[in-house]
C-alpha atoms as a PDB file:
ATOM      1  CA  MET A   1      56.222   0.181  21.339  1.00  0.00           C
ATOM      2  CA  ARG A   2      59.570   0.396  23.072  1.00  0.00           C
ATOM      3  CA  ILE A   3      59.976   0.031  26.834  1.00  0.00           C
ATOM      4  CA  PRO A   4      63.469   0.670  28.245  1.00  0.00           C
ATOM      5  CA  ASP A   5      65.084  -2.129  30.251  1.00  0.00           C
ATOM      6  CA  GLY A   6      64.149  -1.984  33.918  1.00  0.00           C
ATOM      7  CA  LYS A   7      61.117   0.247  33.254  1.00  0.00           C
ATOM      8  CA  HIS A   8      57.397  -0.528  33.191  1.00  0.00           C
ATOM      9  CA  PHE A   9      54.453   0.573  31.103  1.00  0.00           C
ATOM     10  CA  CYS A  10      51.165   1.413  32.779  1.00  0.00           C
ATOM     11  CA  LEU A  11      48.266  -0.689  31.470  1.00  0.00           C
ATOM     12  CA  TYR A  12      45.920   2.259  31.999  1.00  0.00           C
ATOM     13  CA  ALA A  13      48.077   4.254  29.599  1.00  0.00           C
ATOM     14  CA  LEU A  14      47.873   1.457  27.062  1.00  0.00           C
ATOM     15  CA  SER A  15      44.091   1.389  27.371  1.00  0.00           C
ATOM     16  CA  ALA A  16      44.004   5.153  26.721  1.00  0.00           C
ATOM     17  CA  VAL A  17      46.022   5.002  23.501  1.00  0.00           C
ATOM     18  CA  LEU A  18      44.766   1.757  21.881  1.00  0.00           C
ATOM     19  CA  PRO A  19      41.370   3.119  20.697  1.00  0.00           C
ATOM     20  CA  LEU A  20      43.122   5.968  18.867  1.00  0.00           C
ATOM     21  CA  LEU A  21      45.546   3.846  16.852  1.00  0.00           C
ATOM     22  CA  PRO A  22      43.106   2.545  14.191  1.00  0.00           C
ATOM     23  CA  ALA A  23      41.835   6.072  13.565  1.00  0.00           C
ATOM     24  CA  ARG A  24      45.373   7.421  13.203  1.00  0.00           C
ATOM     25  CA  GLN A  25      46.172   4.744  10.612  1.00  0.00           C
ATOM     26  CA  ARG A  26      43.632   6.150   8.177  1.00  0.00           C
ATOM     27  CA  ALA A  27      44.009   9.228   6.013  1.00  0.00           C
ATOM     28  CA  LEU A  28      42.539  12.097   8.035  1.00  0.00           C
ATOM     29  CA  ASP A  29      41.202  15.469   7.023  1.00  0.00           C
ATOM     30  CA  PRO A  30      43.799  18.092   8.066  1.00  0.00           C
ATOM     31  CA  ARG A  31      41.056  19.890  10.041  1.00  0.00           C
ATOM     32  CA  ASP A  32      40.363  16.767  12.120  1.00  0.00           C
ATOM     33  CA  TRP A  33      41.638  17.173  15.694  1.00  0.00           C
ATOM     34  CA  LEU A  34      43.217  13.727  15.531  1.00  0.00           C
ATOM     35  CA  ALA A  35      45.354  14.772  12.558  1.00  0.00           C
ATOM     36  CA  ARG A  36      46.745  17.705  14.553  1.00  0.00           C
ATOM     37  CA  ASP A  37      47.075  16.204  18.028  1.00  0.00           C
ATOM     38  CA  SER A  38      49.395  13.262  18.594  1.00  0.00           C
ATOM     39  CA  LEU A  39      49.748  13.375  22.391  1.00  0.00           C
ATOM     40  CA  VAL A  40      47.808  11.085  24.728  1.00  0.00           C
ATOM     41  CA  ALA A  41      47.916  11.334  28.516  1.00  0.00           C
ATOM     42  CA  CYS A  42      47.725   8.372  30.849  1.00  0.00           C
ATOM     43  CA  PRO A  43      44.524   8.580  32.907  1.00  0.00           C
ATOM     44  CA  ASP A  44      46.477   7.690  36.086  1.00  0.00           C
ATOM     45  CA  PRO A  45      47.645  11.046  37.512  1.00  0.00           C
ATOM     46  CA  ASP A  46      50.453   9.403  39.491  1.00  0.00           C
ATOM     47  CA  GLU A  47      52.093   8.120  36.315  1.00  0.00           C
ATOM     48  CA  ARG A  48      52.404  11.586  34.699  1.00  0.00           C
ATOM     49  CA  LEU A  49      52.923   9.816  31.382  1.00  0.00           C
ATOM     50  CA  ILE A  50      52.412  11.556  28.042  1.00  0.00           C
ATOM     51  CA  MET A  51      52.563   9.338  24.956  1.00  0.00           C
ATOM     52  CA  ARG A  52      53.093  10.466  21.378  1.00  0.00           C
ATOM     53  CA  ILE A  53      51.527   8.601  18.471  1.00  0.00           C
ATOM     54  CA  GLU A  54      54.013   8.745  15.635  1.00  0.00           C
ATOM     55  CA  ARG A  55      53.720   7.178  12.202  1.00  0.00           C
ATOM     56  CA  THR A  56      57.000   5.470  11.346  1.00  0.00           C
ATOM     57  CA  GLY A  57      56.011   4.155   7.930  1.00  0.00           C
ATOM     58  CA  ARG A  58      53.175   3.292   5.584  1.00  0.00           C
ATOM     59  CA  ARG A  59      52.230   0.098   3.875  1.00  0.00           C
ATOM     60  CA  GLU A  60      49.253  -1.102   1.917  1.00  0.00           C
ATOM     61  CA  LEU A  61      47.329  -4.157   3.058  1.00  0.00           C
ATOM     62  CA  ARG A  62      45.026  -5.949   0.680  1.00  0.00           C
ATOM     63  CA  SER A  63      41.896  -7.326   2.348  1.00  0.00           C
ATOM     64  CA  GLY A  64      42.360 -10.628   0.507  1.00  0.00           C
ATOM     65  CA  ASP A  65      45.658 -11.133   2.336  1.00  0.00           C
ATOM     66  CA  LEU A  66      43.951 -10.799   5.713  1.00  0.00           C
ATOM     67  CA  THR A  67      41.243 -13.431   5.352  1.00  0.00           C
END
């Protein structure tokens, strides 16, 4: 996540996008709506913030490395 200097990031927006991130990390069926739609709107109408979930790279994690 990048936030420009002097700007803020709405916590409501963060709460809207966080549940989608684990699902977007997995391989998705091309017919799945989440595979086709990468835009998430902040639930606060005053913010008028639209976020885009974008994969910047892939890596493989072994479960043995995480425990």
